[in-house]
């Protein structure tokens, strides 16, 4: 098992153009904890083609809106929606474990 990027980094050390997508490529929204795939296979391809069973989507913060954005080719919206789902899940986890009100704590970063 490893953290694998949904959108792989640019090849040959190239950089992505600045903007919302490139910023989100460096966040947890672009990572999935998954078994290492065979060469030539990608997590993004598995999700896009429907190989991944839909029952897996909620546990990987892949909500209907994010999946729709992905299928429409909108990587920035997909990653932003997945980031928002992860933040919500992490805040709920912290709240359940500590009783802390993470919604009202401005010192917690969004990512």
PDB file of N, CA and C in Angstrom:
ATOM      1  N   UNK A   1       0.842  -1.166   0.000  1.00  0.00           N
ATOM      2  CA  UNK A   1       0.000   0.000   0.000  1.00  0.00           C
ATOM      3  C   UNK A   1       0.894   1.239   0.000  1.00  0.00           C
ATOM      4  N   UNK A   2       0.408   2.249  -0.687  1.00  0.00           N
ATOM      5  CA  UNK A   2       1.157   3.501  -0.769  1.00  0.00           C
ATOM      6  C   UNK A   2       0.200   4.632  -1.112  1.00  0.00           C
ATOM      7  N   UNK A   3       0.634   5.865  -0.838  1.00  0.00           N
ATOM      8  CA  UNK A   3      -0.118   7.022  -1.305  1.00  0.00           C
ATOM      9  C   UNK A   3       0.254   7.224  -2.767  1.00  0.00           C
ATOM     10  N   UNK A   4      -0.731   7.126  -3.633  1.00  0.00           N
ATOM     11  CA  UNK A   4      -0.514   7.280  -5.066  1.00  0.00           C
ATOM     12  C   UNK A   4      -1.267   8.509  -5.555  1.00  0.00           C
ATOM     13  N   UNK A   5      -0.681   9.251  -6.487  1.00  0.00           N
ATOM     14  CA  UNK A   5      -1.376  10.425  -7.019  1.00  0.00           C
ATOM     15  C   UNK A   5      -2.472  10.023  -7.986  1.00  0.00           C
ATOM     16  N   UNK A   6      -3.600  10.706  -7.917  1.00  0.00           N
ATOM     17  CA  UNK A   6      -4.647  10.506  -8.915  1.00  0.00           C
ATOM     18  C   UNK A   6      -4.208  11.120 -10.243  1.00  0.00           C
ATOM     19  N   UNK A   7      -3.728  12.361 -10.174  1.00  0.00           N
ATOM     20  CA  UNK A   7      -3.154  13.031 -11.337  1.00  0.00           C
ATOM     21  C   UNK A   7      -1.649  12.973 -11.166  1.00  0.00           C
ATOM     22  N   UNK A   8      -0.949  12.210 -11.998  1.00  0.00           N
ATOM     23  CA  UNK A   8       0.498  12.083 -11.816  1.00  0.00           C
ATOM     24  C   UNK A   8       1.219  13.406 -12.039  1.00  0.00           C
ATOM     25  N   UNK A   9       2.400  13.538 -11.418  1.00  0.00           N
ATOM     26  CA  UNK A   9       3.186  14.755 -11.632  1.00  0.00           C
ATOM     27  C   UNK A   9       3.662  14.820 -13.075  1.00  0.00           C
ATOM     28  N   UNK A  10       4.070  15.989 -13.535  1.00  0.00           N
ATOM     29  CA  UNK A  10       4.557  16.116 -14.907  1.00  0.00           C
ATOM     30  C   UNK A  10       5.762  15.211 -15.146  1.00  0.00           C
ATOM     31  N   UNK A  11       5.883  14.729 -16.354  1.00  0.00           N
ATOM     32  CA  UNK A  11       7.006  13.863 -16.711  1.00  0.00           C
ATOM     33  C   UNK A  11       8.269  14.684 -16.931  1.00  0.00           C
ATOM     34  N   UNK A  12       9.391  14.053 -16.832  1.00  0.00           N
ATOM     35  CA  UNK A  12      10.702  14.641 -17.116  1.00  0.00           C
ATOM     36  C   UNK A  12      10.998  15.881 -16.278  1.00  0.00           C
ATOM     37  N   UNK A  13      10.486  15.935 -15.079  1.00  0.00           N
ATOM     38  CA  UNK A  13      10.792  17.051 -14.208  1.00  0.00           C
ATOM     39  C   UNK A  13      10.167  18.362 -14.624  1.00  0.00           C
ATOM     40  N   UNK A  14       9.293  18.336 -15.629  1.00  0.00           N
ATOM     41  CA  UNK A  14       8.623  19.562 -16.053  1.00  0.00           C
ATOM     42  C   UNK A  14       7.697  20.057 -14.967  1.00  0.00           C
ATOM     43  N   UNK A  15       7.327  21.298 -15.067  1.00  0.00           N
ATOM     44  CA  UNK A  15       6.432  21.843 -14.057  1.00  0.00           C
ATOM     45  C   UNK A  15       5.066  22.101 -14.673  1.00  0.00           C
ATOM     46  N   UNK A  16       4.068  22.068 -13.823  1.00  0.00           N
ATOM     47  CA  UNK A  16       2.723  22.375 -14.280  1.00  0.00           C
ATOM     48  C   UNK A  16       2.550  23.881 -14.260  1.00  0.00           C
ATOM     49  N   UNK A  17       1.688  24.403 -15.118  1.00  0.00           N
ATOM     50  CA  UNK A  17       1.475  25.852 -15.083  1.00  0.00           C
ATOM     51  C   UNK A  17       0.845  26.251 -13.755  1.00  0.00           C
ATOM     52  N   UNK A  18       1.183  27.441 -13.249  1.00  0.00           N
ATOM     53  CA  UNK A  18       0.596  27.861 -11.979  1.00  0.00           C
ATOM     54  C   UNK A  18      -0.910  28.004 -12.090  1.00  0.00           C
ATOM     55  N   UNK A  19      -1.591  27.754 -11.003  1.00  0.00           N
ATOM     56  CA  UNK A  19      -3.037  27.879 -10.987  1.00  0.00           C
ATOM     57  C   UNK A  19      -3.644  26.903 -10.025  1.00  0.00           C
ATOM     58  N   UNK A  20      -4.985  26.872 -10.003  1.00  0.00           N
ATOM     59  CA  UNK A  20      -5.661  26.035  -9.013  1.00  0.00           C
ATOM     60  C   UNK A  20      -5.341  24.554  -9.141  1.00  0.00           C
ATOM     61  N   UNK A  21      -5.218  24.055 -10.365  1.00  0.00           N
ATOM     62  CA  UNK A  21      -4.951  22.622 -10.518  1.00  0.00           C
ATOM     63  C   UNK A  21      -3.567  22.286  -9.998  1.00  0.00           C
ATOM     64  N   UNK A  22      -2.556  23.066 -10.374  1.00  0.00           N
ATOM     65  CA  UNK A  22      -1.196  22.732  -9.936  1.00  0.00           C
ATOM     66  C   UNK A  22      -1.075  22.833  -8.418  1.00  0.00           C
ATOM     67  N   UNK A  23      -1.742  23.794  -7.802  1.00  0.00           N
ATOM     68  CA  UNK A  23      -1.720  23.903  -6.343  1.00  0.00           C
ATOM     69  C   UNK A  23      -2.360  22.678  -5.704  1.00  0.00           C
ATOM     70  N   UNK A  24      -3.449  22.207  -6.260  1.00  0.00           N
ATOM     71  CA  UNK A  24      -4.158  21.057  -5.694  1.00  0.00           C
ATOM     72  C   UNK A  24      -3.420  19.746  -5.944  1.00  0.00           C
ATOM     73  N   UNK A  25      -2.558  19.700  -6.953  1.00  0.00           N
ATOM     74  CA  UNK A  25      -1.792  18.480  -7.215  1.00  0.00           C
ATOM     75  C   UNK A  25      -0.879  18.139  -6.048  1.00  0.00           C
ATOM     76  N   UNK A  26      -0.519  19.132  -5.271  1.00  0.00           N
ATOM     77  CA  UNK A  26       0.412  18.938  -4.161  1.00  0.00           C
ATOM     78  C   UNK A  26      -0.289  18.657  -2.840  1.00  0.00           C
ATOM     79  N   UNK A  27      -1.607  18.524  -2.854  1.00  0.00           N
ATOM     80  CA  UNK A  27      -2.360  18.320  -1.618  1.00  0.00           C
ATOM     81  C   UNK A  27      -2.828  16.877  -1.477  1.00  0.00           C
ATOM     82  N   UNK A  28      -3.367  16.594  -0.316  1.00  0.00           N
ATOM     83  CA  UNK A  28      -3.924  15.269  -0.047  1.00  0.00           C
ATOM     84  C   UNK A  28      -5.071  14.937  -1.000  1.00  0.00           C
ATOM     85  N   UNK A  29      -5.721  15.950  -1.552  1.00  0.00           N
ATOM     86  CA  UNK A  29      -6.828  15.712  -2.491  1.00  0.00           C
ATOM     87  C   UNK A  29      -6.370  14.918  -3.702  1.00  0.00           C
ATOM     88  N   UNK A  30      -5.084  14.977  -4.032  1.00  0.00           N
ATOM     89  CA  UNK A  30      -4.562  14.263  -5.191  1.00  0.00           C
ATOM     90  C   UNK A  30      -3.922  12.926  -4.800  1.00  0.00           C
ATOM     91  N   UNK A  31      -4.110  12.470  -3.582  1.00  0.00           N
ATOM     92  CA  UNK A  31      -3.499  11.224  -3.120  1.00  0.00           C
ATOM     93  C   UNK A  31      -4.565  10.229  -2.668  1.00  0.00           C
ATOM     94  N   UNK A  32      -4.325   8.967  -2.966  1.00  0.00           N
ATOM     95  CA  UNK A  32      -5.195   7.893  -2.497  1.00  0.00           C
ATOM     96  C   UNK A  32      -4.305   6.787  -1.941  1.00  0.00           C
ATOM     97  N   UNK A  33      -4.652   6.289  -0.766  1.00  0.00           N
ATOM     98  CA  UNK A  33      -3.923   5.172  -0.181  1.00  0.00           C
ATOM     99  C   UNK A  33      -4.438   3.906  -0.857  1.00  0.00           C
ATOM    100  N   UNK A  34      -3.583   3.269  -1.635  1.00  0.00           N
ATOM    101  CA  UNK A  34      -4.022   2.189  -2.515  1.00  0.00           C
ATOM    102  C   UNK A  34      -2.863   1.245  -2.776  1.00  0.00           C
ATOM    103  N   UNK A  35      -3.146  -0.027  -3.075  1.00  0.00           N
ATOM    104  CA  UNK A  35      -2.044  -0.915  -3.479  1.00  0.00           C
ATOM    105  C   UNK A  35      -1.366  -0.369  -4.736  1.00  0.00           C
ATOM    106  N   UNK A  36      -0.066  -0.569  -4.836  1.00  0.00           N
ATOM    107  CA  UNK A  36       0.679  -0.118  -6.005  1.00  0.00           C
ATOM    108  C   UNK A  36       0.131  -0.840  -7.233  1.00  0.00           C
ATOM    109  N   UNK A  37      -0.053  -0.082  -8.307  1.00  0.00           N
ATOM    110  CA  UNK A  37      -0.628  -0.625  -9.528  1.00  0.00           C
ATOM    111  C   UNK A  37       0.450  -1.106 -10.486  1.00  0.00           C
ATOM    112  N   UNK A  38       0.056  -1.979 -11.398  1.00  0.00           N
ATOM    113  CA  UNK A  38       0.969  -2.461 -12.433  1.00  0.00           C
ATOM    114  C   UNK A  38       1.369  -1.293 -13.335  1.00  0.00           C
ATOM    115  N   UNK A  39       2.530  -1.360 -13.943  1.00  0.00           N
ATOM    116  CA  UNK A  39       2.938  -0.289 -14.857  1.00  0.00           C
ATOM    117  C   UNK A  39       1.876  -0.040 -15.930  1.00  0.00           C
ATOM    118  N   UNK A  40       1.664   1.224 -16.221  1.00  0.00           N
ATOM    119  CA  UNK A  40       0.678   1.589 -17.243  1.00  0.00           C
ATOM    120  C   UNK A  40      -0.739   1.752 -16.718  1.00  0.00           C
ATOM    121  N   UNK A  41      -0.983   1.377 -15.470  1.00  0.00           N
ATOM    122  CA  UNK A  41      -2.315   1.530 -14.873  1.00  0.00           C
ATOM    123  C   UNK A  41      -2.315   2.767 -14.002  1.00  0.00           C
ATOM    124  N   UNK A  42      -3.446   3.458 -13.937  1.00  0.00           N
ATOM    125  CA  UNK A  42      -3.551   4.629 -13.078  1.00  0.00           C
ATOM    126  C   UNK A  42      -4.846   4.574 -12.290  1.00  0.00           C
ATOM    127  N   UNK A  43      -4.823   5.163 -11.107  1.00  0.00           N
ATOM    128  CA  UNK A  43      -6.036   5.226 -10.297  1.00  0.00           C
ATOM    129  C   UNK A  43      -7.100   6.036 -11.016  1.00  0.00           C
ATOM    130  N   UNK A  44      -6.679   7.116 -11.644  1.00  0.00           N
ATOM    131  CA  UNK A  44      -7.615   7.968 -12.369  1.00  0.00           C
ATOM    132  C   UNK A  44      -8.313   7.170 -13.468  1.00  0.00           C
ATOM    133  N   UNK A  45      -7.550   6.355 -14.170  1.00  0.00           N
ATOM    134  CA  UNK A  45      -8.134   5.514 -15.212  1.00  0.00           C
ATOM    135  C   UNK A  45      -9.128   4.514 -14.656  1.00  0.00           C
ATOM    136  N   UNK A  46      -8.818   3.933 -13.499  1.00  0.00           N
ATOM    137  CA  UNK A  46      -9.738   2.968 -12.880  1.00  0.00           C
ATOM    138  C   UNK A  46     -11.051   3.636 -12.489  1.00  0.00           C
ATOM    139  N   UNK A  47     -10.966   4.858 -11.957  1.00  0.00           N
ATOM    140  CA  UNK A  47     -12.176   5.571 -11.555  1.00  0.00           C
ATOM    141  C   UNK A  47     -12.971   5.997 -12.785  1.00  0.00           C
ATOM    142  N   UNK A  48     -12.282   6.548 -13.780  1.00  0.00           N
ATOM    143  CA  UNK A  48     -12.960   7.035 -14.996  1.00  0.00           C
ATOM    144  C   UNK A  48     -13.672   5.926 -15.746  1.00  0.00           C
ATOM    145  N   UNK A  49     -13.054   4.751 -15.817  1.00  0.00           N
ATOM    146  CA  UNK A  49     -13.615   3.665 -16.619  1.00  0.00           C
ATOM    147  C   UNK A  49     -14.628   2.827 -15.857  1.00  0.00           C
ATOM    148  N   UNK A  50     -14.768   3.073 -14.576  1.00  0.00           N
ATOM    149  CA  UNK A  50     -15.757   2.320 -13.803  1.00  0.00           C
ATOM    150  C   UNK A  50     -15.248   0.981 -13.315  1.00  0.00           C
ATOM    151  N   UNK A  51     -13.945   0.714 -13.458  1.00  0.00           N
ATOM    152  CA  UNK A  51     -13.385  -0.541 -12.963  1.00  0.00           C
ATOM    153  C   UNK A  51     -13.492  -0.599 -11.445  1.00  0.00           C
ATOM    154  N   UNK A  52     -13.308   0.564 -10.816  1.00  0.00           N
ATOM    155  CA  UNK A  52     -13.432   0.641  -9.365  1.00  0.00           C
ATOM    156  C   UNK A  52     -14.910   0.573  -9.002  1.00  0.00           C
ATOM    157  N   UNK A  53     -15.308  -0.359  -8.139  1.00  0.00           N
ATOM    158  CA  UNK A  53     -16.727  -0.462  -7.761  1.00  0.00           C
ATOM    159  C   UNK A  53     -17.211   0.804  -7.056  1.00  0.00           C
ATOM    160  N   UNK A  54     -18.402   1.292  -7.396  1.00  0.00           N
ATOM    161  CA  UNK A  54     -18.933   2.511  -6.781  1.00  0.00           C
ATOM    162  C   UNK A  54     -19.009   2.461  -5.263  1.00  0.00           C
ATOM    163  N   UNK A  55     -19.087   1.277  -4.671  1.00  0.00           N
ATOM    164  CA  UNK A  55     -19.154   1.171  -3.216  1.00  0.00           C
ATOM    165  C   UNK A  55     -17.870   1.705  -2.571  1.00  0.00           C
ATOM    166  N   UNK A  56     -16.782   1.758  -3.317  1.00  0.00           N
ATOM    167  CA  UNK A  56     -15.500   2.229  -2.807  1.00  0.00           C
ATOM    168  C   UNK A  56     -15.439   3.752  -2.768  1.00  0.00           C
ATOM    169  N   UNK A  57     -16.201   4.422  -3.612  1.00  0.00           N
ATOM    170  CA  UNK A  57     -16.089   5.873  -3.769  1.00  0.00           C
ATOM    171  C   UNK A  57     -16.241   6.654  -2.466  1.00  0.00           C
ATOM    172  N   UNK A  58     -17.280   6.438  -1.668  1.00  0.00           N
ATOM    173  CA  UNK A  58     -17.429   7.248  -0.449  1.00  0.00           C
ATOM    174  C   UNK A  58     -16.242   7.121   0.515  1.00  0.00           C
ATOM    175  N   UNK A  59     -15.683   5.928   0.628  1.00  0.00           N
ATOM    176  CA  UNK A  59     -14.565   5.750   1.559  1.00  0.00           C
ATOM    177  C   UNK A  59     -13.278   6.401   1.060  1.00  0.00           C
ATOM    178  N   UNK A  60     -13.275   6.846  -0.183  1.00  0.00           N
ATOM    179  CA  UNK A  60     -12.114   7.530  -0.750  1.00  0.00           C
ATOM    180  C   UNK A  60     -12.411   9.000  -1.056  1.00  0.00           C
ATOM    181  N   UNK A  61     -13.474   9.526  -0.440  1.00  0.00           N
ATOM    182  CA  UNK A  61     -13.872  10.932  -0.616  1.00  0.00           C
ATOM    183  C   UNK A  61     -14.118  11.263  -2.080  1.00  0.00           C
ATOM    184  N   UNK A  62     -14.720  10.320  -2.781  1.00  0.00           N
ATOM    185  CA  UNK A  62     -15.087  10.529  -4.183  1.00  0.00           C
ATOM    186  C   UNK A  62     -16.605  10.632  -4.261  1.00  0.00           C
ATOM    187  N   UNK A  63     -17.105  11.838  -3.974  1.00  0.00           N
ATOM    188  CA  UNK A  63     -18.541  12.074  -3.988  1.00  0.00           C
ATOM    189  C   UNK A  63     -19.082  12.226  -5.406  1.00  0.00           C
ATOM    190  N   UNK A  64     -20.402  12.240  -5.543  1.00  0.00           N
ATOM    191  CA  UNK A  64     -21.026  12.351  -6.867  1.00  0.00           C
ATOM    192  C   UNK A  64     -20.590  13.599  -7.636  1.00  0.00           C
ATOM    193  N   UNK A  65     -20.484  14.731  -6.956  1.00  0.00           N
ATOM    194  CA  UNK A  65     -20.064  15.958  -7.640  1.00  0.00           C
ATOM    195  C   UNK A  65     -18.637  15.864  -8.158  1.00  0.00           C
ATOM    196  N   UNK A  66     -17.750  15.312  -7.331  1.00  0.00           N
ATOM    197  CA  UNK A  66     -16.355  15.153  -7.739  1.00  0.00           C
ATOM    198  C   UNK A  66     -16.248  14.192  -8.921  1.00  0.00           C
ATOM    199  N   UNK A  67     -16.998  13.107  -8.859  1.00  0.00           N
ATOM    200  CA  UNK A  67     -16.960  12.141  -9.961  1.00  0.00           C
ATOM    201  C   UNK A  67     -17.519  12.735 -11.248  1.00  0.00           C
ATOM    202  N   UNK A  68     -18.573  13.541 -11.134  1.00  0.00           N
ATOM    203  CA  UNK A  68     -19.130  14.200 -12.322  1.00  0.00           C
ATOM    204  C   UNK A  68     -18.102  15.147 -12.925  1.00  0.00           C
ATOM    205  N   UNK A  69     -17.403  15.909 -12.074  1.00  0.00           N
ATOM    206  CA  UNK A  69     -16.369  16.825 -12.566  1.00  0.00           C
ATOM    207  C   UNK A  69     -15.251  16.045 -13.262  1.00  0.00           C
ATOM    208  N   UNK A  70     -14.882  14.926 -12.685  1.00  0.00           N
ATOM    209  CA  UNK A  70     -13.839  14.091 -13.274  1.00  0.00           C
ATOM    210  C   UNK A  70     -14.251  13.585 -14.650  1.00  0.00           C
ATOM    211  N   UNK A  71     -15.459  13.091 -14.741  1.00  0.00           N
ATOM    212  CA  UNK A  71     -15.949  12.564 -16.028  1.00  0.00           C
ATOM    213  C   UNK A  71     -16.090  13.656 -17.083  1.00  0.00           C
ATOM    214  N   UNK A  72     -16.267  14.906 -16.631  1.00  0.00           N
ATOM    215  CA  UNK A  72     -16.368  16.035 -17.560  1.00  0.00           C
ATOM    216  C   UNK A  72     -14.994  16.622 -17.879  1.00  0.00           C
ATOM    217  N   UNK A  73     -13.950  16.047 -17.308  1.00  0.00           N
ATOM    218  CA  UNK A  73     -12.596  16.503 -17.571  1.00  0.00           C
ATOM    219  C   UNK A  73     -12.184  17.741 -16.801  1.00  0.00           C
ATOM    220  N   UNK A  74     -12.909  18.076 -15.740  1.00  0.00           N
ATOM    221  CA  UNK A  74     -12.593  19.257 -14.944  1.00  0.00           C
ATOM    222  C   UNK A  74     -11.771  18.843 -13.721  1.00  0.00           C
ATOM    223  N   UNK A  75     -10.453  18.720 -13.918  1.00  0.00           N
ATOM    224  CA  UNK A  75      -9.567  18.269 -12.846  1.00  0.00           C
ATOM    225  C   UNK A  75      -9.543  19.196 -11.653  1.00  0.00           C
ATOM    226  N   UNK A  76      -9.599  20.512 -11.902  1.00  0.00           N
ATOM    227  CA  UNK A  76      -9.566  21.474 -10.791  1.00  0.00           C
ATOM    228  C   UNK A  76     -10.795  21.320  -9.907  1.00  0.00           C
ATOM    229  N   UNK A  77     -11.968  21.206 -10.513  1.00  0.00           N
ATOM    230  CA  UNK A  77     -13.197  21.040  -9.728  1.00  0.00           C
ATOM    231  C   UNK A  77     -13.181  19.708  -8.989  1.00  0.00           C
ATOM    232  N   UNK A  78     -12.720  18.652  -9.654  1.00  0.00           N
ATOM    233  CA  UNK A  78     -12.643  17.340  -9.022  1.00  0.00           C
ATOM    234  C   UNK A  78     -11.785  17.405  -7.760  1.00  0.00           C
ATOM    235  N   UNK A  79     -10.574  17.958  -7.893  1.00  0.00           N
ATOM    236  CA  UNK A  79      -9.670  18.021  -6.744  1.00  0.00           C
ATOM    237  C   UNK A  79     -10.202  18.944  -5.650  1.00  0.00           C
ATOM    238  N   UNK A  80     -10.822  20.053  -6.031  1.00  0.00           N
ATOM    239  CA  UNK A  80     -11.382  20.971  -5.032  1.00  0.00           C
ATOM    240  C   UNK A  80     -12.514  20.304  -4.259  1.00  0.00           C
ATOM    241  N   UNK A  81     -13.385  19.592  -4.950  1.00  0.00           N
ATOM    242  CA  UNK A  81     -14.496  18.905  -4.279  1.00  0.00           C
ATOM    243  C   UNK A  81     -13.976  17.778  -3.394  1.00  0.00           C
ATOM    244  N   UNK A  82     -12.959  17.059  -3.856  1.00  0.00           N
ATOM    245  CA  UNK A  82     -12.388  15.981  -3.047  1.00  0.00           C
ATOM    246  C   UNK A  82     -11.688  16.572  -1.822  1.00  0.00           C
ATOM    247  N   UNK A  83     -10.980  17.685  -2.002  1.00  0.00           N
ATOM    248  CA  UNK A  83     -10.338  18.363  -0.868  1.00  0.00           C
ATOM    249  C   UNK A  83     -11.382  18.755   0.167  1.00  0.00           C
ATOM    250  N   UNK A  84     -12.495  19.346  -0.281  1.00  0.00           N
ATOM    251  CA  UNK A  84     -13.548  19.769   0.644  1.00  0.00           C
ATOM    252  C   UNK A  84     -14.115  18.573   1.412  1.00  0.00           C
ATOM    253  N   UNK A  85     -14.303  17.447   0.731  1.00  0.00           N
ATOM    254  CA  UNK A  85     -14.822  16.241   1.394  1.00  0.00           C
ATOM    255  C   UNK A  85     -13.824  15.722   2.423  1.00  0.00           C
ATOM    256  N   UNK A  86     -12.536  15.761   2.090  1.00  0.00           N
ATOM    257  CA  UNK A  86     -11.515  15.301   3.032  1.00  0.00           C
ATOM    258  C   UNK A  86     -11.443  16.210   4.263  1.00  0.00           C
ATOM    259  N   UNK A  87     -11.512  17.518   4.054  1.00  0.00           N
ATOM    260  CA  UNK A  87     -11.482  18.467   5.175  1.00  0.00           C
ATOM    261  C   UNK A  87     -12.678  18.215   6.097  1.00  0.00           C
ATOM    262  N   UNK A  88     -13.851  18.025   5.511  1.00  0.00           N
ATOM    263  CA  UNK A  88     -15.055  17.764   6.308  1.00  0.00           C
ATOM    264  C   UNK A  88     -14.888  16.469   7.117  1.00  0.00           C
ATOM    265  N   UNK A  89     -14.361  15.434   6.481  1.00  0.00           N
ATOM    266  CA  UNK A  89     -14.168  14.149   7.155  1.00  0.00           C
ATOM    267  C   UNK A  89     -13.143  14.271   8.290  1.00  0.00           C
ATOM    268  N   UNK A  90     -12.047  14.952   8.029  1.00  0.00           N
ATOM    269  CA  UNK A  90     -11.005  15.109   9.050  1.00  0.00           C
ATOM    270  C   UNK A  90     -11.525  15.912  10.231  1.00  0.00           C
ATOM    271  N   UNK A  91     -12.286  16.968   9.945  1.00  0.00           N
ATOM    272  CA  UNK A  91     -12.867  17.764  11.039  1.00  0.00           C
ATOM    273  C   UNK A  91     -13.838  16.932  11.868  1.00  0.00           C
ATOM    274  N   UNK A  92     -14.657  16.124  11.213  1.00  0.00           N
ATOM    275  CA  UNK A  92     -15.597  15.269  11.946  1.00  0.00           C
ATOM    276  C   UNK A  92     -14.833  14.258  12.805  1.00  0.00           C
ATOM    277  N   UNK A  93     -13.741  13.723  12.274  1.00  0.00           N
ATOM    278  CA  UNK A  93     -12.919  12.777  13.021  1.00  0.00           C
ATOM    279  C   UNK A  93     -12.344  13.439  14.267  1.00  0.00           C
ATOM    280  N   UNK A  94     -11.793  14.635  14.102  1.00  0.00           N
ATOM    281  CA  UNK A  94     -11.216  15.362  15.240  1.00  0.00           C
ATOM    282  C   UNK A  94     -12.296  15.676  16.273  1.00  0.00           C
ATOM    283  N   UNK A  95     -13.442  16.121  15.803  1.00  0.00           N
ATOM    284  CA  UNK A  95     -14.553  16.440  16.702  1.00  0.00           C
ATOM    285  C   UNK A  95     -14.965  15.208  17.506  1.00  0.00           C
ATOM    286  N   UNK A  96     -15.074  14.070  16.831  1.00  0.00           N
ATOM    287  CA  UNK A  96     -15.503  12.848  17.506  1.00  0.00           C
ATOM    288  C   UNK A  96     -14.481  12.370  18.532  1.00  0.00           C
ATOM    289  N   UNK A  97     -13.199  12.583  18.260  1.00  0.00           N
ATOM    290  CA  UNK A  97     -12.157  12.088  19.163  1.00  0.00           C
ATOM    291  C   UNK A  97     -11.835  13.037  20.301  1.00  0.00           C
ATOM    292  N   UNK A  98     -12.003  14.333  20.067  1.00  0.00           N
ATOM    293  CA  UNK A  98     -11.541  15.300  21.062  1.00  0.00           C
ATOM    294  C   UNK A  98     -12.641  16.171  21.638  1.00  0.00           C
ATOM    295  N   UNK A  99     -13.760  16.238  20.960  1.00  0.00           N
ATOM    296  CA  UNK A  99     -14.809  17.138  21.384  1.00  0.00           C
ATOM    297  C   UNK A  99     -14.529  18.573  20.991  1.00  0.00           C
ATOM    298  N   UNK A 100     -13.437  18.785  20.255  1.00  0.00           N
ATOM    299  CA  UNK A 100     -13.060  20.140  19.833  1.00  0.00           C
ATOM    300  C   UNK A 100     -14.018  20.636  18.756  1.00  0.00           C
ATOM    301  N   UNK A 101     -14.268  21.927  18.802  1.00  0.00           N
ATOM    302  CA  UNK A 101     -15.115  22.551  17.788  1.00  0.00           C
ATOM    303  C   UNK A 101     -14.198  23.071  16.687  1.00  0.00           C
ATOM    304  N   UNK A 102     -13.896  22.227  15.694  1.00  0.00           N
ATOM    305  CA  UNK A 102     -12.955  22.608  14.635  1.00  0.00           C
ATOM    306  C   UNK A 102     -13.558  23.636  13.688  1.00  0.00           C
ATOM    307  N   UNK A 103     -14.864  23.713  13.600  1.00  0.00           N
ATOM    308  CA  UNK A 103     -15.492  24.700  12.724  1.00  0.00           C
ATOM    309  C   UNK A 103     -15.204  26.124  13.175  1.00  0.00           C
ATOM    310  N   UNK A 104     -15.153  26.335  14.477  1.00  0.00           N
ATOM    311  CA  UNK A 104     -14.958  27.678  14.998  1.00  0.00           C
ATOM    312  C   UNK A 104     -13.511  28.042  15.242  1.00  0.00           C
ATOM    313  N   UNK A 105     -12.578  27.135  15.001  1.00  0.00           N
ATOM    314  CA  UNK A 105     -11.179  27.386  15.270  1.00  0.00           C
ATOM    315  C   UNK A 105     -10.481  27.907  14.022  1.00  0.00           C
ATOM    316  N   UNK A 106     -10.280  29.205  13.966  1.00  0.00           N
ATOM    317  CA  UNK A 106      -9.670  29.835  12.798  1.00  0.00           C
ATOM    318  C   UNK A 106      -8.196  29.486  12.670  1.00  0.00           C
ATOM    319  N   UNK A 107      -7.583  28.904  13.706  1.00  0.00           N
ATOM    320  CA  UNK A 107      -6.161  28.599  13.627  1.00  0.00           C
ATOM    321  C   UNK A 107      -5.893  27.333  12.819  1.00  0.00           C
ATOM    322  N   UNK A 108      -6.913  26.534  12.546  1.00  0.00           N
ATOM    323  CA  UNK A 108      -6.720  25.333  11.757  1.00  0.00           C
ATOM    324  C   UNK A 108      -6.704  25.690  10.280  1.00  0.00           C
ATOM    325  N   UNK A 109      -5.653  25.287   9.545  1.00  0.00           N
ATOM    326  CA  UNK A 109      -5.622  25.582   8.108  1.00  0.00           C
ATOM    327  C   UNK A 109      -6.631  24.719   7.365  1.00  0.00           C
ATOM    328  N   UNK A 110      -7.054  25.198   6.211  1.00  0.00           N
ATOM    329  CA  UNK A 110      -7.991  24.445   5.393  1.00  0.00           C
ATOM    330  C   UNK A 110      -7.372  23.171   4.868  1.00  0.00           C
ATOM    331  N   UNK A 111      -6.062  23.172   4.652  1.00  0.00           N
ATOM    332  CA  UNK A 111      -5.379  21.974   4.127  1.00  0.00           C
ATOM    333  C   UNK A 111      -4.184  21.663   4.963  1.00  0.00           C
TER     334      UNK A 111
END
